[in-house]
Amino acid sequence: MPLQPNDLADWPVAILAGGIATRLRPVTDKLPKALVPVAGEPFLAHQLRLLHSAGIRRVVICVGYLGEMIEAEFRDGSRLDLRITYSFDGPRLLGTGGALKQALPLLGERFFVLYGDSYLPIDYRSVARAFLGSGKPAQMTVFKNDGRWDTSNVWFEKGEIRLYDKTSRTTKMRHIDYGLGVLSDEVLKEWQATEAFELASLYQELVAKNQLAGYEVTERFYEIGSPEGLAELDDLLRHQPALSTP
């Protein structure tokens, strides 16, 4: 199915921004990771402008730890020419998978999933096009990492994801979960509402059922999940032209 230039405006992006971010303490003791300063602005501002430049207009931010601070900062997203809504975990953190399950009423039948600490300068339209052509209910973007930027956790061969595991790695794992997925709502229907679980568990289940498509990207990823990654992205964004929104 071909995608027209404006079609991504109808594709919601779920940003998983509910974690505690222990690796960035003490900065995140009183500040959610999404608001950690990067190149003079909250990280999420950079992330949202990047999505806008890709044609995205609908964003659902899944929040937990200090989520009210994120909502207070970005409100409805209108100043960034976006429509932002928020899905709160509630009294306990639900994990990345549980947060998506909770947010389904805001997301609809199919949507992008983006980790809240990832900065991914890629062609999102190509990712959506690959998902539509895969015939599968979910897709993971992968990057041939070879252990360089982080620990590889995907065995990707001949266009297929053969194995995904963040704890038990093998020498065949030369790729890494790039940080952007596409899901249809049906893959979450078997999971219980308010159940705490991780997106990684859902991905592993889908791989076992041969229901997770793989799409390889060649642009490297950036992240703020570690002090080293934060410093690297800060330097990158200070030395490249700033993205703008109307």
Protein backbone atom coordinates (compact mmCIF):
# COMPACT_ATOMS: atom_id res chain seq x y z
CA MET A 1 0.00 0.00 0.00
CA PRO A 2 1.60 3.29 -1.07
CA LEU A 3 1.90 6.11 1.42
CA GLN A 4 1.21 9.66 0.36
CA PRO A 5 3.28 12.61 1.71
CA ASN A 6 0.75 13.54 4.41
CA ASP A 7 -0.31 10.04 5.46
CA LEU A 8 1.85 9.86 8.58
CA ALA A 9 -0.25 12.61 10.12
CA ASP A 10 -2.79 9.84 10.84
CA TRP A 11 -0.25 7.45 12.39
CA PRO A 12 -0.07 7.90 16.18
CA VAL A 13 3.28 7.55 17.89
CA ALA A 14 3.34 6.13 21.41
CA ILE A 15 6.34 7.48 23.32
CA LEU A 16 7.26 5.31 26.31
CA ALA A 17 8.28 7.91 28.87
CA GLY A 18 7.26 6.40 32.18
CA GLY A 19 10.51 4.95 33.51
CA ILE A 20 12.47 6.03 36.58
CA ALA A 21 15.81 6.46 34.73
CA THR A 22 18.09 5.22 37.48
CA ARG A 23 21.21 5.45 35.31
CA LEU A 24 20.87 9.23 35.09
CA ARG A 25 20.61 9.87 38.81
CA PRO A 26 20.92 12.27 40.56
CA VAL A 27 19.63 14.35 37.62
CA THR A 28 16.42 12.29 37.48
CA ASP A 29 15.74 12.27 41.22
CA LYS A 30 13.40 15.22 40.72
CA LEU A 31 13.10 15.31 36.93
CA PRO A 32 11.66 12.76 34.48
CA LYS A 33 14.07 11.59 31.81
CA ALA A 34 12.00 13.25 29.08
CA LEU A 35 12.78 16.65 30.60
CA VAL A 36 16.52 16.15 31.08
CA PRO A 37 18.28 19.10 29.38
CA VAL A 38 19.95 18.34 26.05
CA ALA A 39 21.55 21.16 24.07
CA GLY A 40 19.68 23.69 26.20
CA GLU A 41 16.18 22.16 25.97
CA PRO A 42 14.26 19.23 27.43
CA PHE A 43 15.10 16.07 25.49
CA LEU A 44 11.46 15.51 24.58
CA ALA A 45 11.37 18.84 22.70
CA HIS A 46 14.08 17.55 20.35
CA GLN A 47 12.33 14.20 19.99
CA LEU A 48 9.00 15.82 19.15
CA ARG A 49 10.49 18.18 16.58
CA LEU A 50 12.20 15.23 14.90
CA LEU A 51 8.86 13.41 14.67
CA HIS A 52 7.18 16.53 13.29
CA SER A 53 9.87 16.83 10.59
CA ALA A 54 9.08 13.23 9.59
CA GLY A 55 5.40 14.07 9.06
CA ILE A 56 4.05 12.85 12.40
CA ARG A 57 1.29 14.92 13.97
CA ARG A 58 -0.32 12.64 16.62
CA VAL A 59 1.59 11.68 19.76
CA VAL A 60 0.49 9.71 22.81
CA ILE A 61 2.97 10.02 25.67
CA CYS A 62 2.86 7.09 28.10
CA VAL A 63 3.89 8.58 31.43
CA GLY A 64 4.47 7.31 34.93
CA TYR A 65 7.27 8.65 37.10
CA LEU A 66 6.82 12.45 37.43
CA GLY A 67 4.56 12.36 34.38
CA GLU A 68 2.62 15.41 35.49
CA MET A 69 5.77 17.48 34.90
CA ILE A 70 5.88 16.31 31.28
CA GLU A 71 2.22 17.21 30.72
CA ALA A 72 2.73 20.62 32.33
CA GLU A 73 5.64 21.34 29.98
CA PHE A 74 4.13 20.23 26.65
CA ARG A 75 0.37 20.45 27.25
CA ASP A 76 -1.60 19.60 24.10
CA GLY A 77 1.39 20.03 21.79
CA SER A 78 -0.13 22.88 19.80
CA ARG A 79 2.95 25.09 20.09
CA LEU A 80 4.86 22.34 18.25
CA ASP A 81 2.06 21.83 15.69
CA LEU A 82 1.30 18.44 17.25
CA ARG A 83 -1.70 16.82 18.95
CA ILE A 84 -0.41 15.35 22.21
CA THR A 85 -2.42 13.25 24.63
CA TYR A 86 -1.21 11.49 27.77
CA SER A 87 -1.72 8.03 29.21
CA PHE A 88 -0.79 7.72 32.88
CA ASP A 89 0.24 4.42 34.44
CA GLY A 90 -1.73 5.06 37.61
CA PRO A 91 -0.75 4.04 41.16
CA ARG A 92 2.00 1.65 39.99
CA LEU A 93 4.34 1.53 37.03
CA LEU A 94 3.05 -0.78 34.30
CA GLY A 95 6.25 -1.32 32.35
CA THR A 96 6.60 -0.51 28.66
CA GLY A 97 4.16 -3.20 27.53
CA GLY A 98 1.55 -2.49 30.20
CA ALA A 99 1.72 1.20 29.38
CA LEU A 100 0.91 0.48 25.74
CA LYS A 101 -2.02 -1.73 26.72
CA GLN A 102 -3.36 1.07 28.89
CA ALA A 103 -2.97 3.60 26.07
CA LEU A 104 -4.77 1.53 23.38
CA PRO A 105 -7.98 3.60 23.46
CA LEU A 106 -5.88 6.62 22.43
CA LEU A 107 -3.82 4.78 19.82
CA GLY A 108 -6.27 2.93 17.60
CA GLU A 109 -5.67 0.01 15.28
CA ARG A 110 -1.99 0.59 14.39
CA PHE A 111 0.71 2.88 15.67
CA PHE A 112 4.42 3.53 16.04
CA VAL A 113 6.12 2.76 19.35
CA LEU A 114 9.16 4.82 20.35
CA TYR A 115 11.31 4.50 23.45
CA GLY A 116 11.31 7.69 25.47
CA ASP A 117 15.10 8.01 25.47
CA SER A 118 15.71 7.41 21.74
CA TYR A 119 16.56 9.96 19.06
CA LEU A 120 16.14 8.25 15.68
CA PRO A 121 16.88 10.31 12.55
CA ILE A 122 15.36 7.98 9.93
CA ASP A 123 12.64 7.93 7.27
CA TYR A 124 9.54 6.99 9.26
CA ARG A 125 7.49 6.70 6.09
CA SER A 126 9.71 3.85 4.89
CA VAL A 127 9.20 2.09 8.21
CA ALA A 128 5.42 2.41 7.88
CA ARG A 129 5.53 1.23 4.28
CA ALA A 130 7.52 -1.86 5.24
CA PHE A 131 5.05 -2.69 8.00
CA LEU A 132 2.08 -2.44 5.65
CA GLY A 133 3.83 -4.70 3.17
CA SER A 134 4.95 -7.31 5.70
CA GLY A 135 1.59 -8.94 6.29
CA LYS A 136 2.47 -9.27 9.98
CA PRO A 137 0.79 -7.59 12.96
CA ALA A 138 3.98 -6.07 14.37
CA GLN A 139 7.39 -4.86 13.23
CA MET A 140 10.71 -4.08 14.90
CA THR A 141 13.34 -1.85 13.32
CA VAL A 142 16.83 -3.29 13.65
CA PHE A 143 20.32 -1.89 13.17
CA LYS A 144 23.52 -3.84 12.46
CA ASN A 145 25.24 -2.85 15.63
CA ASP A 146 27.92 -5.55 16.05
CA GLY A 147 28.16 -4.54 19.70
CA ARG A 148 29.47 -1.08 18.84
CA TRP A 149 26.88 1.36 20.23
CA ASP A 150 25.29 -1.02 22.72
CA THR A 151 24.98 -4.78 23.26
CA SER A 152 23.47 -6.50 20.22
CA ASN A 153 20.30 -8.45 21.02
CA VAL A 154 18.74 -9.50 17.69
CA TRP A 155 19.56 -12.37 15.34
CA PHE A 156 18.41 -10.94 12.02
CA GLU A 157 19.05 -13.03 8.92
CA LYS A 158 17.69 -12.94 5.37
CA GLY A 159 15.22 -10.24 6.30
CA GLU A 160 13.76 -12.16 9.23
CA ILE A 161 14.09 -11.80 12.99
CA ARG A 162 15.16 -15.26 14.16
CA LEU A 163 15.75 -14.43 17.82
CA TYR A 164 15.39 -11.47 20.15
CA ASP A 165 16.61 -11.57 23.73
CA LYS A 166 17.96 -8.81 25.95
CA THR A 167 19.43 -11.16 28.55
CA SER A 168 20.57 -14.38 26.82
CA ARG A 169 22.70 -13.33 23.89
CA THR A 170 24.36 -15.46 21.21
CA THR A 171 27.14 -14.84 18.69
CA LYS A 172 24.54 -14.72 15.91
CA MET A 173 23.11 -11.52 17.39
CA ARG A 174 24.78 -8.80 15.31
CA HIS A 175 21.77 -6.45 15.24
CA ILE A 176 20.02 -4.46 17.94
CA ASP A 177 16.47 -3.30 18.56
CA TYR A 178 16.74 0.19 17.07
CA GLY A 179 14.09 1.65 19.34
CA LEU A 180 11.15 2.08 16.94
CA GLY A 181 8.40 -0.46 16.45
CA VAL A 182 5.05 -0.62 14.71
CA LEU A 183 2.19 -2.50 16.35
CA SER A 184 -1.39 -3.34 15.55
CA ASP A 185 -3.77 -3.37 18.49
CA GLU A 186 -4.49 -7.09 18.07
CA VAL A 187 -1.08 -8.10 19.45
CA LEU A 188 -1.98 -6.63 22.84
CA LYS A 189 -5.47 -8.08 23.18
CA GLU A 190 -4.33 -11.20 25.07
CA TRP A 191 -2.56 -9.16 27.74
CA GLN A 192 -4.58 -8.09 30.77
CA ALA A 193 -5.38 -4.44 31.42
CA THR A 194 -3.40 -2.98 34.35
CA GLU A 195 -0.93 -5.89 34.05
CA ALA A 196 2.72 -4.85 34.36
CA PHE A 197 4.90 -6.27 31.58
CA GLU A 198 7.65 -5.16 29.23
CA LEU A 199 7.52 -4.57 25.49
CA ALA A 200 10.50 -6.95 25.22
CA SER A 201 8.29 -9.79 26.48
CA LEU A 202 5.69 -9.00 23.83
CA TYR A 203 8.37 -8.93 21.12
CA GLN A 204 9.73 -12.31 22.23
CA GLU A 205 6.26 -13.82 22.12
CA LEU A 206 5.71 -12.43 18.62
CA VAL A 207 9.05 -13.78 17.38
CA ALA A 208 8.13 -17.24 18.70
CA LYS A 209 4.87 -17.06 16.70
CA ASN A 210 6.62 -15.69 13.58
CA GLN A 211 4.47 -12.57 13.83
CA LEU A 212 7.20 -9.93 14.19
CA ALA A 213 8.51 -8.45 10.96
CA GLY A 214 12.00 -6.99 10.86
CA TYR A 215 13.02 -3.82 9.03
CA GLU A 216 16.71 -2.94 8.86
CA VAL A 217 17.78 0.69 9.04
CA THR A 218 21.27 2.00 8.36
CA GLU A 219 21.26 5.28 10.31
CA ARG A 220 22.74 4.88 13.77
CA PHE A 221 20.64 5.60 16.85
CA TYR A 222 21.21 8.10 19.63
CA GLU A 223 19.96 7.77 23.20
CA ILE A 224 19.97 9.52 26.56
CA GLY A 225 19.57 6.40 28.68
CA SER A 226 23.16 6.64 29.89
CA PRO A 227 25.41 9.59 30.83
CA GLU A 228 27.65 8.76 27.86
CA GLY A 229 24.74 8.72 25.43
CA LEU A 230 23.38 11.95 26.87
CA ALA A 231 26.72 13.72 26.40
CA GLU A 232 27.05 12.42 22.83
CA LEU A 233 23.58 13.58 21.77
CA ASP A 234 24.08 16.93 23.48
CA ASP A 235 27.21 17.49 21.39
CA LEU A 236 25.48 16.36 18.18
CA LEU A 237 22.49 18.66 18.59
CA ARG A 238 24.62 21.67 19.52
CA HIS A 239 26.56 21.35 16.26
CA GLN A 240 23.82 20.69 13.72
CA PRO A 241 21.08 22.99 12.38
CA ALA A 242 18.05 23.03 14.66
CA LEU A 243 14.80 21.52 13.44
CA SER A 244 11.89 23.91 13.45
CA THR A 245 8.09 23.73 13.57
CA PRO A 246 5.54 26.34 12.42
